[in-house]
Amino acid sequence: NMGTRLKVLGVFKTLHRTRMAVFKDDDRALTAARLKINEEFRKNKNETSEENIQKLIKMGSDVDIVLRQSVVQMEHVAEDKLLLRPRNDLLLENVPYCDKPREKS
């Protein structure tokens, strides 16, 4: 089915774009993620059951969401010091919690 094929290809491309954003400037992580994505798609390339293919598409989309929303880069800057490198899209979704009620203006 051509529509299903396009969805699979779309998830594949999306995962690779997400990988490039999430692991930016980290060659080891970029390579590991590329190999894992390609391996998972290759492993399932002969799947013919439409139901299983839809489940795999859903899983790929879920993995993309987890990567985008949950993975934060950290960099060793000294023996005992890490630098957090959050992406802008992560910062926009995090609203600081405040217990003090807002004053009416």
PDB file of N, CA and C in Angstrom:
ATOM      1  N   ASN A   1       0.845  -1.183   0.000  1.00  0.00           N
ATOM      2  CA  ASN A   1       0.000   0.000   0.000  1.00  0.00           C
ATOM      3  C   ASN A   1       0.890   1.247   0.000  1.00  0.00           C
ATOM      4  N   MET A   2       0.688   2.121  -0.979  1.00  0.00           N
ATOM      5  CA  MET A   2       1.541   3.309  -1.135  1.00  0.00           C
ATOM      6  C   MET A   2       1.390   4.284   0.035  1.00  0.00           C
ATOM      7  N   GLY A   3       0.169   4.445   0.550  1.00  0.00           N
ATOM      8  CA  GLY A   3      -0.049   5.352   1.685  1.00  0.00           C
ATOM      9  C   GLY A   3       0.719   4.914   2.914  1.00  0.00           C
ATOM     10  N   THR A   4       0.692   3.615   3.185  1.00  0.00           N
ATOM     11  CA  THR A   4       1.422   3.068   4.327  1.00  0.00           C
ATOM     12  C   THR A   4       2.920   3.252   4.131  1.00  0.00           C
ATOM     13  N   ARG A   5       3.362   3.001   2.908  1.00  0.00           N
ATOM     14  CA  ARG A   5       4.786   3.152   2.594  1.00  0.00           C
ATOM     15  C   ARG A   5       5.259   4.589   2.854  1.00  0.00           C
ATOM     16  N   LEU A   6       4.428   5.560   2.475  1.00  0.00           N
ATOM     17  CA  LEU A   6       4.761   6.967   2.704  1.00  0.00           C
ATOM     18  C   LEU A   6       4.797   7.305   4.187  1.00  0.00           C
ATOM     19  N   LYS A   7       3.869   6.718   4.960  1.00  0.00           N
ATOM     20  CA  LYS A   7       3.866   6.942   6.415  1.00  0.00           C
ATOM     21  C   LYS A   7       5.147   6.398   7.039  1.00  0.00           C
ATOM     22  N   VAL A   8       5.537   5.185   6.629  1.00  0.00           N
ATOM     23  CA  VAL A   8       6.759   4.570   7.158  1.00  0.00           C
ATOM     24  C   VAL A   8       7.964   5.458   6.826  1.00  0.00           C
ATOM     25  N   LEU A   9       8.046   5.887   5.586  1.00  0.00           N
ATOM     26  CA  LEU A   9       9.144   6.744   5.164  1.00  0.00           C
ATOM     27  C   LEU A   9       9.121   8.067   5.935  1.00  0.00           C
ATOM     28  N   GLY A  10       7.943   8.592   6.171  1.00  0.00           N
ATOM     29  CA  GLY A  10       7.801   9.837   6.943  1.00  0.00           C
ATOM     30  C   GLY A  10       8.323   9.694   8.359  1.00  0.00           C
ATOM     31  N   VAL A  11       7.965   8.595   9.025  1.00  0.00           N
ATOM     32  CA  VAL A  11       8.444   8.348  10.395  1.00  0.00           C
ATOM     33  C   VAL A  11       9.969   8.191  10.386  1.00  0.00           C
ATOM     34  N   PHE A  12      10.476   7.485   9.392  1.00  0.00           N
ATOM     35  CA  PHE A  12      11.924   7.280   9.259  1.00  0.00           C
ATOM     36  C   PHE A  12      12.647   8.630   9.149  1.00  0.00           C
ATOM     37  N   LYS A  13      12.149   9.492   8.264  1.00  0.00           N
ATOM     38  CA  LYS A  13      12.771  10.802   8.067  1.00  0.00           C
ATOM     39  C   LYS A  13      12.633  11.674   9.313  1.00  0.00           C
ATOM     40  N   THR A  14      11.467  11.632   9.935  1.00  0.00           N
ATOM     41  CA  THR A  14      11.234  12.427  11.149  1.00  0.00           C
ATOM     42  C   THR A  14      12.193  12.005  12.259  1.00  0.00           C
ATOM     43  N   LEU A  15      12.359  10.695  12.440  1.00  0.00           N
ATOM     44  CA  LEU A  15      13.286  10.218  13.476  1.00  0.00           C
ATOM     45  C   LEU A  15      14.714  10.695  13.197  1.00  0.00           C
ATOM     46  N   HIS A  16      15.121  10.684  11.956  1.00  0.00           N
ATOM     47  CA  HIS A  16      16.467  11.156  11.636  1.00  0.00           C
ATOM     48  C   HIS A  16      16.597  12.669  11.842  1.00  0.00           C
ATOM     49  N   ARG A  17      15.563  13.442  11.518  1.00  0.00           N
ATOM     50  CA  ARG A  17      15.611  14.894  11.780  1.00  0.00           C
ATOM     51  C   ARG A  17      15.661  15.153  13.282  1.00  0.00           C
ATOM     52  N   THR A  18      14.870  14.403  14.033  1.00  0.00           N
ATOM     53  CA  THR A  18      14.863  14.553  15.487  1.00  0.00           C
ATOM     54  C   THR A  18      16.234  14.192  16.057  1.00  0.00           C
ATOM     55  N   ARG A  19      16.813  13.123  15.561  1.00  0.00           N
ATOM     56  CA  ARG A  19      18.155  12.697  15.992  1.00  0.00           C
ATOM     57  C   ARG A  19      19.163  13.835  15.785  1.00  0.00           C
ATOM     58  N   MET A  20      19.082  14.493  14.624  1.00  0.00           N
ATOM     59  CA  MET A  20      20.020  15.584  14.322  1.00  0.00           C
ATOM     60  C   MET A  20      19.850  16.757  15.293  1.00  0.00           C
ATOM     61  N   ALA A  21      18.631  17.034  15.700  1.00  0.00           N
ATOM     62  CA  ALA A  21      18.376  18.141  16.629  1.00  0.00           C
ATOM     63  C   ALA A  21      18.735  17.773  18.065  1.00  0.00           C
ATOM     64  N   VAL A  22      18.304  16.582  18.491  1.00  0.00           N
ATOM     65  CA  VAL A  22      18.477  16.174  19.886  1.00  0.00           C
ATOM     66  C   VAL A  22      19.947  15.917  20.232  1.00  0.00           C
ATOM     67  N   PHE A  23      20.694  15.335  19.302  1.00  0.00           N
ATOM     68  CA  PHE A  23      22.091  14.982  19.579  1.00  0.00           C
ATOM     69  C   PHE A  23      23.073  15.886  18.842  1.00  0.00           C
ATOM     70  N   LYS A  24      22.647  17.104  18.538  1.00  0.00           N
ATOM     71  CA  LYS A  24      23.469  18.060  17.790  1.00  0.00           C
ATOM     72  C   LYS A  24      24.875  18.160  18.390  1.00  0.00           C
ATOM     73  N   ASP A  25      25.881  18.129  17.543  1.00  0.00           N
ATOM     74  CA  ASP A  25      27.296  18.274  17.932  1.00  0.00           C
ATOM     75  C   ASP A  25      27.844  17.109  18.750  1.00  0.00           C
ATOM     76  N   ASP A  26      27.096  16.024  18.907  1.00  0.00           N
ATOM     77  CA  ASP A  26      27.581  14.857  19.652  1.00  0.00           C
ATOM     78  C   ASP A  26      27.720  13.699  18.660  1.00  0.00           C
ATOM     79  N   ASP A  27      28.902  13.606  18.058  1.00  0.00           N
ATOM     80  CA  ASP A  27      29.099  12.627  16.980  1.00  0.00           C
ATOM     81  C   ASP A  27      28.825  11.192  17.412  1.00  0.00           C
ATOM     82  N   ARG A  28      29.233  10.825  18.619  1.00  0.00           N
ATOM     83  CA  ARG A  28      28.999   9.442  19.072  1.00  0.00           C
ATOM     84  C   ARG A  28      27.513   9.146  19.191  1.00  0.00           C
ATOM     85  N   ALA A  29      26.769  10.054  19.792  1.00  0.00           N
ATOM     86  CA  ALA A  29      25.323   9.847  19.955  1.00  0.00           C
ATOM     87  C   ALA A  29      24.609   9.895  18.605  1.00  0.00           C
ATOM     88  N   LEU A  30      25.038  10.806  17.729  1.00  0.00           N
ATOM     89  CA  LEU A  30      24.429  10.888  16.389  1.00  0.00           C
ATOM     90  C   LEU A  30      24.609   9.580  15.632  1.00  0.00           C
ATOM     91  N   THR A  31      25.820   9.036  15.688  1.00  0.00           N
ATOM     92  CA  THR A  31      26.107   7.778  14.990  1.00  0.00           C
ATOM     93  C   THR A  31      25.321   6.625  15.595  1.00  0.00           C
ATOM     94  N   ALA A  32      25.325   6.530  16.926  1.00  0.00           N
ATOM     95  CA  ALA A  32      24.608   5.440  17.600  1.00  0.00           C
ATOM     96  C   ALA A  32      23.113   5.497  17.268  1.00  0.00           C
ATOM     97  N   ALA A  33      22.540   6.692  17.299  1.00  0.00           N
ATOM     98  CA  ALA A  33      21.107   6.837  17.003  1.00  0.00           C
ATOM     99  C   ALA A  33      20.822   6.487  15.540  1.00  0.00           C
ATOM    100  N   ARG A  34      21.684   6.933  14.633  1.00  0.00           N
ATOM    101  CA  ARG A  34      21.502   6.613  13.206  1.00  0.00           C
ATOM    102  C   ARG A  34      21.518   5.109  12.987  1.00  0.00           C
ATOM    103  N   LEU A  35      22.502   4.443  13.602  1.00  0.00           N
ATOM    104  CA  LEU A  35      22.601   2.992  13.441  1.00  0.00           C
ATOM    105  C   LEU A  35      21.374   2.285  14.017  1.00  0.00           C
ATOM    106  N   LYS A  36      20.906   2.740  15.176  1.00  0.00           N
ATOM    107  CA  LYS A  36      19.746   2.111  15.821  1.00  0.00           C
ATOM    108  C   LYS A  36      18.476   2.313  14.995  1.00  0.00           C
ATOM    109  N   ILE A  37      18.258   3.526  14.520  1.00  0.00           N
ATOM    110  CA  ILE A  37      17.066   3.798  13.693  1.00  0.00           C
ATOM    111  C   ILE A  37      17.097   2.916  12.448  1.00  0.00           C
ATOM    112  N   ASN A  38      18.225   2.934  11.752  1.00  0.00           N
ATOM    113  CA  ASN A  38      18.342   2.149  10.517  1.00  0.00           C
ATOM    114  C   ASN A  38      18.174   0.657  10.789  1.00  0.00           C
ATOM    115  N   GLU A  39      18.752   0.175  11.880  1.00  0.00           N
ATOM    116  CA  GLU A  39      18.645  -1.248  12.233  1.00  0.00           C
ATOM    117  C   GLU A  39      17.192  -1.649  12.487  1.00  0.00           C
ATOM    118  N   GLU A  40      16.464  -0.818  13.231  1.00  0.00           N
ATOM    119  CA  GLU A  40      15.066  -1.134  13.549  1.00  0.00           C
ATOM    120  C   GLU A  40      14.204  -1.163  12.283  1.00  0.00           C
ATOM    121  N   PHE A  41      14.415  -0.214  11.397  1.00  0.00           N
ATOM    122  CA  PHE A  41      13.633  -0.199  10.160  1.00  0.00           C
ATOM    123  C   PHE A  41      14.018  -1.375   9.263  1.00  0.00           C
ATOM    124  N   ARG A  42      15.313  -1.673   9.192  1.00  0.00           N
ATOM    125  CA  ARG A  42      15.777  -2.802   8.360  1.00  0.00           C
ATOM    126  C   ARG A  42      15.217  -4.120   8.895  1.00  0.00           C
ATOM    127  N   LYS A  43      15.201  -4.248  10.224  1.00  0.00           N
ATOM    128  CA  LYS A  43      14.727  -5.473  10.863  1.00  0.00           C
ATOM    129  C   LYS A  43      13.259  -5.753  10.508  1.00  0.00           C
ATOM    130  N   ASN A  44      12.490  -4.701  10.294  1.00  0.00           N
ATOM    131  CA  ASN A  44      11.056  -4.855  10.040  1.00  0.00           C
ATOM    132  C   ASN A  44      10.666  -4.591   8.591  1.00  0.00           C
ATOM    133  N   LYS A  45      11.648  -4.502   7.681  1.00  0.00           N
ATOM    134  CA  LYS A  45      11.333  -4.122   6.295  1.00  0.00           C
ATOM    135  C   LYS A  45      10.487  -5.148   5.550  1.00  0.00           C
ATOM    136  N   ASN A  46      10.504  -6.407   5.982  1.00  0.00           N
ATOM    137  CA  ASN A  46       9.710  -7.427   5.293  1.00  0.00           C
ATOM    138  C   ASN A  46       8.350  -7.685   5.955  1.00  0.00           C
ATOM    139  N   GLU A  47       7.995  -6.852   6.911  1.00  0.00           N
ATOM    140  CA  GLU A  47       6.694  -6.994   7.583  1.00  0.00           C
ATOM    141  C   GLU A  47       5.585  -6.752   6.560  1.00  0.00           C
ATOM    142  N   THR A  48       4.602  -7.655   6.524  1.00  0.00           N
ATOM    143  CA  THR A  48       3.504  -7.510   5.552  1.00  0.00           C
ATOM    144  C   THR A  48       2.154  -7.270   6.227  1.00  0.00           C
ATOM    145  N   SER A  49       2.039  -7.593   7.508  1.00  0.00           N
ATOM    146  CA  SER A  49       0.771  -7.407   8.209  1.00  0.00           C
ATOM    147  C   SER A  49       0.492  -5.914   8.400  1.00  0.00           C
ATOM    148  N   GLU A  50      -0.615  -5.451   7.820  1.00  0.00           N
ATOM    149  CA  GLU A  50      -0.985  -4.035   7.928  1.00  0.00           C
ATOM    150  C   GLU A  50      -1.115  -3.622   9.393  1.00  0.00           C
ATOM    151  N   GLU A  51      -1.685  -4.507  10.219  1.00  0.00           N
ATOM    152  CA  GLU A  51      -1.867  -4.216  11.642  1.00  0.00           C
ATOM    153  C   GLU A  51      -0.513  -4.017  12.324  1.00  0.00           C
ATOM    154  N   ASN A  52       0.443  -4.917  12.057  1.00  0.00           N
ATOM    155  CA  ASN A  52       1.776  -4.790  12.654  1.00  0.00           C
ATOM    156  C   ASN A  52       2.502  -3.551  12.156  1.00  0.00           C
ATOM    157  N   ILE A  53       2.339  -3.236  10.889  1.00  0.00           N
ATOM    158  CA  ILE A  53       2.983  -2.046  10.323  1.00  0.00           C
ATOM    159  C   ILE A  53       2.442  -0.790  11.005  1.00  0.00           C
ATOM    160  N   GLN A  54       1.123  -0.753  11.230  1.00  0.00           N
ATOM    161  CA  GLN A  54       0.532   0.406  11.915  1.00  0.00           C
ATOM    162  C   GLN A  54       1.070   0.527  13.342  1.00  0.00           C
ATOM    163  N   LYS A  55       1.238  -0.619  14.015  1.00  0.00           N
ATOM    164  CA  LYS A  55       1.801  -0.605  15.380  1.00  0.00           C
ATOM    165  C   LYS A  55       3.238  -0.092  15.360  1.00  0.00           C
ATOM    166  N   LEU A  56       4.008  -0.510  14.355  1.00  0.00           N
ATOM    167  CA  LEU A  56       5.399  -0.061  14.239  1.00  0.00           C
ATOM    168  C   LEU A  56       5.474   1.438  13.925  1.00  0.00           C
ATOM    169  N   ILE A  57       4.563   1.929  13.091  1.00  0.00           N
ATOM    170  CA  ILE A  57       4.506   3.359  12.792  1.00  0.00           C
ATOM    171  C   ILE A  57       4.218   4.131  14.074  1.00  0.00           C
ATOM    172  N   LYS A  58       3.247   3.641  14.851  1.00  0.00           N
ATOM    173  CA  LYS A  58       2.889   4.288  16.124  1.00  0.00           C
ATOM    174  C   LYS A  58       4.081   4.285  17.072  1.00  0.00           C
ATOM    175  N   MET A  59       4.790   3.159  17.155  1.00  0.00           N
ATOM    176  CA  MET A  59       5.948   3.078  18.045  1.00  0.00           C
ATOM    177  C   MET A  59       7.029   4.065  17.602  1.00  0.00           C
ATOM    178  N   GLY A  60       7.274   4.161  16.297  1.00  0.00           N
ATOM    179  CA  GLY A  60       8.259   5.115  15.789  1.00  0.00           C
ATOM    180  C   GLY A  60       7.884   6.544  16.132  1.00  0.00           C
ATOM    181  N   SER A  61       6.608   6.880  16.006  1.00  0.00           N
ATOM    182  CA  SER A  61       6.133   8.221  16.353  1.00  0.00           C
ATOM    183  C   SER A  61       6.277   8.481  17.850  1.00  0.00           C
ATOM    184  N   ASP A  62       5.974   7.465  18.660  1.00  0.00           N
ATOM    185  CA  ASP A  62       6.125   7.598  20.116  1.00  0.00           C
ATOM    186  C   ASP A  62       7.586   7.819  20.498  1.00  0.00           C
ATOM    187  N   VAL A  63       8.491   7.083  19.853  1.00  0.00           N
ATOM    188  CA  VAL A  63       9.922   7.239  20.122  1.00  0.00           C
ATOM    189  C   VAL A  63      10.350   8.665  19.773  1.00  0.00           C
ATOM    190  N   ASP A  64       9.852   9.182  18.657  1.00  0.00           N
ATOM    191  CA  ASP A  64      10.175  10.551  18.255  1.00  0.00           C
ATOM    192  C   ASP A  64       9.745  11.545  19.328  1.00  0.00           C
ATOM    193  N   ILE A  65       8.544  11.373  19.859  1.00  0.00           N
ATOM    194  CA  ILE A  65       8.031  12.274  20.902  1.00  0.00           C
ATOM    195  C   ILE A  65       8.900  12.190  22.155  1.00  0.00           C
ATOM    196  N   VAL A  66       9.252  10.975  22.564  1.00  0.00           N
ATOM    197  CA  VAL A  66      10.091  10.802  23.754  1.00  0.00           C
ATOM    198  C   VAL A  66      11.446  11.483  23.559  1.00  0.00           C
ATOM    199  N   LEU A  67      12.052  11.262  22.392  1.00  0.00           N
ATOM    200  CA  LEU A  67      13.346  11.902  22.125  1.00  0.00           C
ATOM    201  C   LEU A  67      13.229  13.422  22.205  1.00  0.00           C
ATOM    202  N   ARG A  68      12.213  13.977  21.558  1.00  0.00           N
ATOM    203  CA  ARG A  68      12.067  15.438  21.525  1.00  0.00           C
ATOM    204  C   ARG A  68      11.738  16.020  22.886  1.00  0.00           C
ATOM    205  N   GLN A  69      10.940  15.312  23.701  1.00  0.00           N
ATOM    206  CA  GLN A  69      10.465  15.895  24.952  1.00  0.00           C
ATOM    207  C   GLN A  69      11.285  15.516  26.175  1.00  0.00           C
ATOM    208  N   SER A  70      12.061  14.443  26.098  1.00  0.00           N
ATOM    209  CA  SER A  70      12.699  13.938  27.310  1.00  0.00           C
ATOM    210  C   SER A  70      14.217  13.935  27.300  1.00  0.00           C
ATOM    211  N   VAL A  71      14.837  14.053  26.133  1.00  0.00           N
ATOM    212  CA  VAL A  71      16.291  13.957  26.076  1.00  0.00           C
ATOM    213  C   VAL A  71      16.895  15.359  26.126  1.00  0.00           C
ATOM    214  N   VAL A  72      17.812  15.548  27.075  1.00  0.00           N
ATOM    215  CA  VAL A  72      18.513  16.820  27.223  1.00  0.00           C
ATOM    216  C   VAL A  72      20.001  16.530  27.151  1.00  0.00           C
ATOM    217  N   GLN A  73      20.732  17.323  26.396  1.00  0.00           N
ATOM    218  CA  GLN A  73      22.173  17.120  26.276  1.00  0.00           C
ATOM    219  C   GLN A  73      22.901  17.723  27.471  1.00  0.00           C
ATOM    220  N   MET A  74      23.957  17.007  27.877  1.00  0.00           N
ATOM    221  CA  MET A  74      24.856  17.521  28.907  1.00  0.00           C
ATOM    222  C   MET A  74      26.268  17.330  28.386  1.00  0.00           C
ATOM    223  N   GLU A  75      27.137  18.237  28.768  1.00  0.00           N
ATOM    224  CA  GLU A  75      28.510  18.180  28.295  1.00  0.00           C
ATOM    225  C   GLU A  75      29.444  18.244  29.490  1.00  0.00           C
ATOM    226  N   HIS A  76      30.472  17.371  29.488  1.00  0.00           N
ATOM    227  CA  HIS A  76      31.497  17.442  30.534  1.00  0.00           C
ATOM    228  C   HIS A  76      32.336  18.676  30.274  1.00  0.00           C
ATOM    229  N   VAL A  77      32.375  19.593  31.240  1.00  0.00           N
ATOM    230  CA  VAL A  77      33.211  20.783  31.073  1.00  0.00           C
ATOM    231  C   VAL A  77      34.389  20.753  32.049  1.00  0.00           C
ATOM    232  N   ALA A  78      34.312  19.883  33.022  1.00  0.00           N
ATOM    233  CA  ALA A  78      35.416  19.672  33.962  1.00  0.00           C
ATOM    234  C   ALA A  78      35.195  18.290  34.554  1.00  0.00           C
ATOM    235  N   GLU A  79      36.166  17.811  35.319  1.00  0.00           N
ATOM    236  CA  GLU A  79      36.077  16.462  35.879  1.00  0.00           C
ATOM    237  C   GLU A  79      34.776  16.242  36.639  1.00  0.00           C
ATOM    238  N   ASP A  80      34.358  17.243  37.410  1.00  0.00           N
ATOM    239  CA  ASP A  80      33.166  17.088  38.248  1.00  0.00           C
ATOM    240  C   ASP A  80      32.083  18.103  37.886  1.00  0.00           C
ATOM    241  N   LYS A  81      32.090  18.553  36.639  1.00  0.00           N
ATOM    242  CA  LYS A  81      31.123  19.578  36.248  1.00  0.00           C
ATOM    243  C   LYS A  81      30.498  19.242  34.897  1.00  0.00           C
ATOM    244  N   LEU A  82      29.167  19.328  34.858  1.00  0.00           N
ATOM    245  CA  LEU A  82      28.425  19.103  33.608  1.00  0.00           C
ATOM    246  C   LEU A  82      27.718  20.392  33.215  1.00  0.00           C
ATOM    247  N   LEU A  83      27.649  20.636  31.926  1.00  0.00           N
ATOM    248  CA  LEU A  83      26.933  21.793  31.416  1.00  0.00           C
ATOM    249  C   LEU A  83      25.672  21.281  30.728  1.00  0.00           C
ATOM    250  N   LEU A  84      24.527  21.766  31.166  1.00  0.00           N
ATOM    251  CA  LEU A  84      23.253  21.390  30.573  1.00  0.00           C
ATOM    252  C   LEU A  84      23.058  22.212  29.305  1.00  0.00           C
ATOM    253  N   ARG A  85      22.705  21.537  28.197  1.00  0.00           N
ATOM    254  CA  ARG A  85      22.489  22.230  26.921  1.00  0.00           C
ATOM    255  C   ARG A  85      21.075  21.983  26.418  1.00  0.00           C
ATOM    256  N   PRO A  86      20.072  22.624  27.067  1.00  0.00           N
ATOM    257  CA  PRO A  86      18.679  22.400  26.633  1.00  0.00           C
ATOM    258  C   PRO A  86      18.416  23.057  25.280  1.00  0.00           C
ATOM    259  N   ARG A  87      17.559  22.439  24.493  1.00  0.00           N
ATOM    260  CA  ARG A  87      17.146  23.019  23.212  1.00  0.00           C
ATOM    261  C   ARG A  87      16.035  24.033  23.468  1.00  0.00           C
ATOM    262  N   ASN A  88      15.914  25.007  22.587  1.00  0.00           N
ATOM    263  CA  ASN A  88      14.885  26.042  22.758  1.00  0.00           C
ATOM    264  C   ASN A  88      13.481  25.471  22.825  1.00  0.00           C
ATOM    265  N   ASP A  89      13.184  24.441  22.023  1.00  0.00           N
ATOM    266  CA  ASP A  89      11.819  23.890  22.031  1.00  0.00           C
ATOM    267  C   ASP A  89      11.479  23.241  23.368  1.00  0.00           C
ATOM    268  N   LEU A  90      12.476  22.767  24.104  1.00  0.00           N
ATOM    269  CA  LEU A  90      12.207  22.210  25.439  1.00  0.00           C
ATOM    270  C   LEU A  90      11.911  23.325  26.425  1.00  0.00           C
ATOM    271  N   LEU A  91      12.659  24.406  26.333  1.00  0.00           N
ATOM    272  CA  LEU A  91      12.486  25.509  27.282  1.00  0.00           C
ATOM    273  C   LEU A  91      11.120  26.170  27.152  1.00  0.00           C
ATOM    274  N   LEU A  92      10.584  26.227  25.948  1.00  0.00           N
ATOM    275  CA  LEU A  92       9.300  26.880  25.741  1.00  0.00           C
ATOM    276  C   LEU A  92       8.148  26.128  26.389  1.00  0.00           C
ATOM    277  N   GLU A  93       8.274  24.812  26.504  1.00  0.00           N
ATOM    278  CA  GLU A  93       7.171  24.029  27.057  1.00  0.00           C
ATOM    279  C   GLU A  93       7.178  23.993  28.579  1.00  0.00           C
ATOM    280  N   ASN A  94       8.302  24.363  29.197  1.00  0.00           N
ATOM    281  CA  ASN A  94       8.399  24.284  30.654  1.00  0.00           C
ATOM    282  C   ASN A  94       7.999  25.608  31.277  1.00  0.00           C
ATOM    283  N   VAL A  95       6.870  25.597  31.959  1.00  0.00           N
ATOM    284  CA  VAL A  95       6.404  26.796  32.626  1.00  0.00           C
ATOM    285  C   VAL A  95       6.798  26.674  34.093  1.00  0.00           C
ATOM    286  N   PRO A  96       7.495  27.677  34.640  1.00  0.00           N
ATOM    287  CA  PRO A  96       7.928  27.564  36.044  1.00  0.00           C
ATOM    288  C   PRO A  96       6.724  27.453  36.977  1.00  0.00           C
ATOM    289  N   TYR A  97       6.878  26.632  37.987  1.00  0.00           N
ATOM    290  CA  TYR A  97       5.814  26.446  38.976  1.00  0.00           C
ATOM    291  C   TYR A  97       5.944  27.535  40.028  1.00  0.00           C
ATOM    292  N   CYS A  98       4.840  28.042  40.457  1.00  0.00           N
ATOM    293  CA  CYS A  98       4.857  29.070  41.502  1.00  0.00           C
ATOM    294  C   CYS A  98       3.700  28.799  42.450  1.00  0.00           C
ATOM    295  N   ASP A  99       3.998  28.684  43.774  1.00  0.00           N
ATOM    296  CA  ASP A  99       2.902  28.416  44.717  1.00  0.00           C
ATOM    297  C   ASP A  99       2.120  29.669  45.051  1.00  0.00           C
ATOM    298  N   LYS A 100       2.760  30.818  44.894  1.00  0.00           N
ATOM    299  CA  LYS A 100       2.110  32.060  45.281  1.00  0.00           C
ATOM    300  C   LYS A 100       1.080  32.442  44.226  1.00  0.00           C
ATOM    301  N   PRO A 101      -0.179  32.632  44.635  1.00  0.00           N
ATOM    302  CA  PRO A 101      -1.200  32.995  43.645  1.00  0.00           C
ATOM    303  C   PRO A 101      -0.847  34.332  42.986  1.00  0.00           C
ATOM    304  N   ARG A 102      -1.204  34.453  41.724  1.00  0.00           N
ATOM    305  CA  ARG A 102      -0.950  35.719  41.037  1.00  0.00           C
ATOM    306  C   ARG A 102      -1.858  36.801  41.587  1.00  0.00           C
ATOM    307  N   GLU A 103      -1.310  37.992  41.656  1.00  0.00           N
ATOM    308  CA  GLU A 103      -2.136  39.116  42.138  1.00  0.00           C
ATOM    309  C   GLU A 103      -2.989  39.606  40.975  1.00  0.00           C
ATOM    310  N   LYS A 104      -4.223  39.940  41.306  1.00  0.00           N
ATOM    311  CA  LYS A 104      -5.104  40.430  40.249  1.00  0.00           C
ATOM    312  C   LYS A 104      -4.666  41.842  39.877  1.00  0.00           C
ATOM    313  N   SER A 105      -4.623  42.092  38.552  1.00  0.00           N
ATOM    314  CA  SER A 105      -4.159  43.424  38.142  1.00  0.00           C
ATOM    315  C   SER A 105      -5.317  44.299  37.704  1.00  0.00           C
TER     316      SER A 105
END
